[in-house]
C-alpha atoms as a PDB file:
ATOM      1  CA  MET A   1      25.815  -8.409  -5.943  1.00  0.00           C
ATOM      2  CA  GLU A   2      28.683  -5.961  -6.315  1.00  0.00           C
ATOM      3  CA  ASP A   3      30.792  -4.293  -3.641  1.00  0.00           C
ATOM      4  CA  LEU A   4      31.114  -0.563  -4.210  1.00  0.00           C
ATOM      5  CA  SER A   5      33.253   2.026  -2.503  1.00  0.00           C
ATOM      6  CA  GLY A   6      32.071   3.688   0.673  1.00  0.00           C
ATOM      7  CA  GLY A   7      30.541   0.516   2.117  1.00  0.00           C
ATOM      8  CA  TRP A   8      27.794   0.346  -0.503  1.00  0.00           C
ATOM      9  CA  VAL A   9      26.582  -2.800  -2.271  1.00  0.00           C
ATOM     10  CA  ARG A  10      24.695  -2.921  -5.550  1.00  0.00           C
ATOM     11  CA  GLY A  11      22.335  -5.773  -6.406  1.00  0.00           C
ATOM     12  CA  LEU A  12      21.108  -6.175  -9.962  1.00  0.00           C
ATOM     13  CA  THR A  13      17.862  -8.035 -10.533  1.00  0.00           C
ATOM     14  CA  GLN A  14      15.775  -8.814 -13.563  1.00  0.00           C
ATOM     15  CA  GLU A  15      12.205  -9.903 -13.843  1.00  0.00           C
ATOM     16  CA  THR A  16       9.756 -10.545 -16.620  1.00  0.00           C
ATOM     17  CA  GLN A  17       6.142  -9.546 -16.618  1.00  0.00           C
ATOM     18  CA  ILE A  18       4.901 -11.817 -19.363  1.00  0.00           C
ATOM     19  CA  GLY A  19       1.646 -13.713 -19.321  1.00  0.00           C
ATOM     20  CA  ARG A  20      -1.902 -13.194 -18.105  1.00  0.00           C
ATOM     21  CA  PRO A  21      -1.154 -13.416 -14.356  1.00  0.00           C
ATOM     22  CA  ALA A  22       1.578 -10.778 -14.606  1.00  0.00           C
ATOM     23  CA  ALA A  23      -0.569  -8.520 -16.778  1.00  0.00           C
ATOM     24  CA  ALA A  24      -3.403  -8.738 -14.249  1.00  0.00           C
ATOM     25  CA  LEU A  25      -1.083  -7.914 -11.337  1.00  0.00           C
ATOM     26  CA  ALA A  26       0.341  -4.915 -13.210  1.00  0.00           C
ATOM     27  CA  THR A  27      -3.066  -3.219 -13.212  1.00  0.00           C
ATOM     28  CA  GLU A  28      -3.674  -3.578  -9.451  1.00  0.00           C
ATOM     29  CA  ARG A  29      -3.092  -0.679  -7.069  1.00  0.00           C
ATOM     30  CA  PRO A  30      -1.070  -0.862  -4.952  1.00  0.00           C
ATOM     31  CA  ASN A  31       1.048  -2.927  -7.305  1.00  0.00           C
ATOM     32  CA  PRO A  32       1.747  -6.301  -5.638  1.00  0.00           C
ATOM     33  CA  MET A  33       4.804  -6.925  -7.831  1.00  0.00           C
ATOM     34  CA  LEU A  34       6.469  -3.690  -6.718  1.00  0.00           C
ATOM     35  CA  ASN A  35       5.484  -4.333  -3.117  1.00  0.00           C
ATOM     36  CA  GLY A  36       6.956  -7.841  -3.346  1.00  0.00           C
ATOM     37  CA  ASP A  37      10.219  -6.447  -4.673  1.00  0.00           C
ATOM     38  CA  GLN A  38      10.361  -3.927  -1.837  1.00  0.00           C
ATOM     39  CA  ALA A  39       9.673  -6.634   0.761  1.00  0.00           C
ATOM     40  CA  TRP A  40      12.503  -8.726  -0.708  1.00  0.00           C
ATOM     41  CA  LEU A  41      14.896  -5.762  -0.532  1.00  0.00           C
ATOM     42  CA  ASP A  42      13.834  -4.991   3.045  1.00  0.00           C
ATOM     43  CA  GLY A  43      14.556  -8.622   3.925  1.00  0.00           C
ATOM     44  CA  LEU A  44      18.026  -8.413   2.409  1.00  0.00           C
ATOM     45  CA  ILE A  45      18.755  -5.252   4.374  1.00  0.00           C
ATOM     46  CA  GLY A  46      17.549  -6.887   7.574  1.00  0.00           C
ATOM     47  CA  ALA A  47      19.686  -9.981   7.009  1.00  0.00           C
ATOM     48  CA  ALA A  48      22.746  -7.900   6.219  1.00  0.00           C
ATOM     49  CA  ALA A  49      22.294  -5.840   9.387  1.00  0.00           C
ATOM     50  CA  GLU A  50      22.350  -8.943  11.619  1.00  0.00           C
END
């Protein structure tokens, strides 16, 4: 997490998509990995707003 000017915060994440389970998830639509990332970010925003 990094404080930026103007009241902004930047969070840097990394993930790997290696292995059969990840390869299988990558072909699904909607993509559950992307949806999981978005849910995590929404949770962070909600916690920060409290």
